[in-house]
């Protein structure tokens, strides 16, 4: 089985608190989708 690493970087930009909330929600969405498809998830900050 071939192992690959995928890096997704999400950053808040202009928009202040709303931008931060959007990025947090998007990260949660990607993490949930990855886990639902049996990917290993590493959340480094």
PDB file of N, CA and C in Angstrom:
ATOM      1  N   UNK A   1       0.844  -1.181   0.000  1.00  0.00           N
ATOM      2  CA  UNK A   1       0.000   0.000   0.000  1.00  0.00           C
ATOM      3  C   UNK A   1       0.882   1.235   0.000  1.00  0.00           C
ATOM      4  N   UNK A   2       0.565   2.173  -0.861  1.00  0.00           N
ATOM      5  CA  UNK A   2       1.326   3.408  -0.982  1.00  0.00           C
ATOM      6  C   UNK A   2       0.820   4.435   0.024  1.00  0.00           C
ATOM      7  N   UNK A   3       1.744   5.068   0.714  1.00  0.00           N
ATOM      8  CA  UNK A   3       1.384   6.100   1.683  1.00  0.00           C
ATOM      9  C   UNK A   3       1.762   7.459   1.123  1.00  0.00           C
ATOM     10  N   UNK A   4       0.835   8.387   1.166  1.00  0.00           N
ATOM     11  CA  UNK A   4       1.090   9.753   0.720  1.00  0.00           C
ATOM     12  C   UNK A   4       0.702  10.714   1.833  1.00  0.00           C
ATOM     13  N   UNK A   5       1.338  11.843   1.832  1.00  0.00           N
ATOM     14  CA  UNK A   5       1.031  12.878   2.808  1.00  0.00           C
ATOM     15  C   UNK A   5       0.411  14.067   2.084  1.00  0.00           C
ATOM     16  N   UNK A   6      -0.672  14.543   2.627  1.00  0.00           N
ATOM     17  CA  UNK A   6      -1.334  15.729   2.088  1.00  0.00           C
ATOM     18  C   UNK A   6      -1.341  16.785   3.179  1.00  0.00           C
ATOM     19  N   UNK A   7      -0.929  17.994   2.820  1.00  0.00           N
ATOM     20  CA  UNK A   7      -0.903  19.100   3.773  1.00  0.00           C
ATOM     21  C   UNK A   7      -1.922  20.133   3.313  1.00  0.00           C
ATOM     22  N   UNK A   8      -2.807  20.487   4.218  1.00  0.00           N
ATOM     23  CA  UNK A   8      -3.787  21.536   3.939  1.00  0.00           C
ATOM     24  C   UNK A   8      -3.541  22.651   4.943  1.00  0.00           C
ATOM     25  N   UNK A   9      -3.286  23.837   4.435  1.00  0.00           N
ATOM     26  CA  UNK A   9      -3.036  24.979   5.310  1.00  0.00           C
ATOM     27  C   UNK A   9      -4.177  25.968   5.154  1.00  0.00           C
ATOM     28  N   UNK A  10      -4.812  26.274   6.250  1.00  0.00           N
ATOM     29  CA  UNK A  10      -5.902  27.249   6.261  1.00  0.00           C
ATOM     30  C   UNK A  10      -5.471  28.421   7.123  1.00  0.00           C
ATOM     31  N   UNK A  11      -5.642  29.625   6.618  1.00  0.00           N
ATOM     32  CA  UNK A  11      -5.250  30.813   7.369  1.00  0.00           C
ATOM     33  C   UNK A  11      -6.379  31.847   7.348  1.00  0.00           C
ATOM     34  N   UNK A  12      -6.570  32.453   8.472  1.00  0.00           N
ATOM     35  CA  UNK A  12      -7.524  33.559   8.539  1.00  0.00           C
ATOM     36  C   UNK A  12      -6.846  34.797   7.956  1.00  0.00           C
ATOM     37  N   UNK A  13      -7.603  35.563   7.212  1.00  0.00           N
ATOM     38  CA  UNK A  13      -7.061  36.782   6.611  1.00  0.00           C
ATOM     39  C   UNK A  13      -7.856  37.968   7.145  1.00  0.00           C
ATOM     40  N   UNK A  14      -8.117  38.920   6.299  1.00  0.00           N
ATOM     41  CA  UNK A  14      -8.905  40.071   6.730  1.00  0.00           C
ATOM     42  C   UNK A  14     -10.310  39.612   7.067  1.00  0.00           C
ATOM     43  N   UNK A  15     -10.884  40.234   8.036  1.00  0.00           N
ATOM     44  CA  UNK A  15     -12.226  39.868   8.454  1.00  0.00           C
ATOM     45  C   UNK A  15     -12.305  39.656   9.947  1.00  0.00           C
ATOM     46  N   UNK A  16     -11.152  39.710  10.594  1.00  0.00           N
ATOM     47  CA  UNK A  16     -11.131  39.615  12.048  1.00  0.00           C
ATOM     48  C   UNK A  16     -11.673  38.308  12.581  1.00  0.00           C
ATOM     49  N   UNK A  17     -12.529  38.416  13.570  1.00  0.00           N
ATOM     50  CA  UNK A  17     -13.068  37.246  14.269  1.00  0.00           C
ATOM     51  C   UNK A  17     -13.884  36.360  13.334  1.00  0.00           C
ATOM     52  N   UNK A  18     -14.626  36.947  12.419  1.00  0.00           N
ATOM     53  CA  UNK A  18     -15.421  36.156  11.470  1.00  0.00           C
ATOM     54  C   UNK A  18     -14.527  35.270  10.613  1.00  0.00           C
ATOM     55  N   UNK A  19     -13.401  35.803  10.201  1.00  0.00           N
ATOM     56  CA  UNK A  19     -12.460  35.037   9.397  1.00  0.00           C
ATOM     57  C   UNK A  19     -11.896  33.861  10.188  1.00  0.00           C
ATOM     58  N   UNK A  20     -11.584  34.082  11.440  1.00  0.00           N
ATOM     59  CA  UNK A  20     -11.066  33.013  12.301  1.00  0.00           C
ATOM     60  C   UNK A  20     -12.098  31.911  12.496  1.00  0.00           C
ATOM     61  N   UNK A  21     -13.350  32.302  12.686  1.00  0.00           N
ATOM     62  CA  UNK A  21     -14.417  31.317  12.869  1.00  0.00           C
ATOM     63  C   UNK A  21     -14.622  30.486  11.607  1.00  0.00           C
ATOM     64  N   UNK A  22     -14.553  31.126  10.453  1.00  0.00           N
ATOM     65  CA  UNK A  22     -14.716  30.410   9.188  1.00  0.00           C
ATOM     66  C   UNK A  22     -13.602  29.378   9.015  1.00  0.00           C
ATOM     67  N   UNK A  23     -12.369  29.769   9.288  1.00  0.00           N
ATOM     68  CA  UNK A  23     -11.237  28.849   9.140  1.00  0.00           C
ATOM     69  C   UNK A  23     -11.373  27.690  10.123  1.00  0.00           C
ATOM     70  N   UNK A  24     -11.797  27.965  11.346  1.00  0.00           N
ATOM     71  CA  UNK A  24     -11.988  26.890  12.329  1.00  0.00           C
ATOM     72  C   UNK A  24     -13.038  25.900  11.842  1.00  0.00           C
ATOM     73  N   UNK A  25     -14.148  26.402  11.316  1.00  0.00           N
ATOM     74  CA  UNK A  25     -15.214  25.534  10.816  1.00  0.00           C
ATOM     75  C   UNK A  25     -14.759  24.733   9.596  1.00  0.00           C
ATOM     76  N   UNK A  26     -13.986  25.362   8.710  1.00  0.00           N
ATOM     77  CA  UNK A  26     -13.479  24.654   7.535  1.00  0.00           C
ATOM     78  C   UNK A  26     -12.518  23.544   7.944  1.00  0.00           C
ATOM     79  N   UNK A  27     -11.648  23.820   8.914  1.00  0.00           N
ATOM     80  CA  UNK A  27     -10.715  22.800   9.393  1.00  0.00           C
ATOM     81  C   UNK A  27     -11.477  21.617   9.972  1.00  0.00           C
ATOM     82  N   UNK A  28     -12.508  21.890  10.758  1.00  0.00           N
ATOM     83  CA  UNK A  28     -13.314  20.813  11.343  1.00  0.00           C
ATOM     84  C   UNK A  28     -13.980  19.986  10.250  1.00  0.00           C
ATOM     85  N   UNK A  29     -14.440  20.644   9.190  1.00  0.00           N
ATOM     86  CA  UNK A  29     -15.077  19.947   8.077  1.00  0.00           C
ATOM     87  C   UNK A  29     -14.087  19.017   7.381  1.00  0.00           C
ATOM     88  N   UNK A  30     -12.891  19.515   7.078  1.00  0.00           N
ATOM     89  CA  UNK A  30     -11.873  18.694   6.410  1.00  0.00           C
ATOM     90  C   UNK A  30     -11.436  17.526   7.287  1.00  0.00           C
ATOM     91  N   UNK A  31     -11.259  17.769   8.584  1.00  0.00           N
ATOM     92  CA  UNK A  31     -10.844  16.708   9.503  1.00  0.00           C
ATOM     93  C   UNK A  31     -11.910  15.620   9.584  1.00  0.00           C
ATOM     94  N   UNK A  32     -13.170  16.023   9.685  1.00  0.00           N
ATOM     95  CA  UNK A  32     -14.261  15.048   9.763  1.00  0.00           C
ATOM     96  C   UNK A  32     -14.348  14.224   8.479  1.00  0.00           C
ATOM     97  N   UNK A  33     -14.216  14.880   7.337  1.00  0.00           N
ATOM     98  CA  UNK A  33     -14.277  14.169   6.064  1.00  0.00           C
ATOM     99  C   UNK A  33     -13.117  13.180   5.932  1.00  0.00           C
ATOM    100  N   UNK A  34     -11.937  13.586   6.357  1.00  0.00           N
ATOM    101  CA  UNK A  34     -10.779  12.699   6.280  1.00  0.00           C
ATOM    102  C   UNK A  34     -10.970  11.480   7.176  1.00  0.00           C
ATOM    103  N   UNK A  35     -11.412  11.691   8.387  1.00  0.00           N
ATOM    104  CA  UNK A  35     -11.628  10.569   9.307  1.00  0.00           C
ATOM    105  C   UNK A  35     -12.737   9.649   8.818  1.00  0.00           C
ATOM    106  N   UNK A  36     -13.785  10.209   8.225  1.00  0.00           N
ATOM    107  CA  UNK A  36     -14.876   9.390   7.680  1.00  0.00           C
ATOM    108  C   UNK A  36     -14.400   8.511   6.526  1.00  0.00           C
ATOM    109  N   UNK A  37     -13.298   8.911   5.889  1.00  0.00           N
ATOM    110  CA  UNK A  37     -12.744   8.149   4.774  1.00  0.00           C
ATOM    111  C   UNK A  37     -11.479   7.391   5.177  1.00  0.00           C
ATOM    112  N   UNK A  38     -11.328   7.168   6.496  1.00  0.00           N
ATOM    113  CA  UNK A  38     -10.250   6.349   7.060  1.00  0.00           C
ATOM    114  C   UNK A  38      -8.848   6.889   6.805  1.00  0.00           C
ATOM    115  N   UNK A  39      -8.703   8.214   6.748  1.00  0.00           N
ATOM    116  CA  UNK A  39      -7.388   8.824   6.672  1.00  0.00           C
ATOM    117  C   UNK A  39      -6.889   9.087   8.085  1.00  0.00           C
ATOM    118  N   UNK A  40      -5.574   9.064   8.247  1.00  0.00           N
ATOM    119  CA  UNK A  40      -4.978   9.450   9.511  1.00  0.00           C
ATOM    120  C   UNK A  40      -4.838  10.962   9.522  1.00  0.00           C
ATOM    121  N   UNK A  41      -5.269  11.595  10.600  1.00  0.00           N
ATOM    122  CA  UNK A  41      -5.250  13.055  10.673  1.00  0.00           C
ATOM    123  C   UNK A  41      -4.285  13.487  11.756  1.00  0.00           C
ATOM    124  N   UNK A  42      -3.392  14.392  11.398  1.00  0.00           N
ATOM    125  CA  UNK A  42      -2.476  15.007  12.348  1.00  0.00           C
ATOM    126  C   UNK A  42      -2.732  16.494  12.324  1.00  0.00           C
ATOM    127  N   UNK A  43      -3.071  17.066  13.446  1.00  0.00           N
ATOM    128  CA  UNK A  43      -3.399  18.479  13.533  1.00  0.00           C
ATOM    129  C   UNK A  43      -2.244  19.211  14.213  1.00  0.00           C
ATOM    130  N   UNK A  44      -1.365  19.787  13.398  1.00  0.00           N
ATOM    131  CA  UNK A  44      -0.230  20.539  13.940  1.00  0.00           C
ATOM    132  C   UNK A  44      -0.493  22.021  13.785  1.00  0.00           C
ATOM    133  N   UNK A  45      -0.130  22.769  14.803  1.00  0.00           N
ATOM    134  CA  UNK A  45      -0.346  24.225  14.741  1.00  0.00           C
ATOM    135  C   UNK A  45       0.944  24.956  14.834  1.00  0.00           C
TER     136      UNK A  45
END
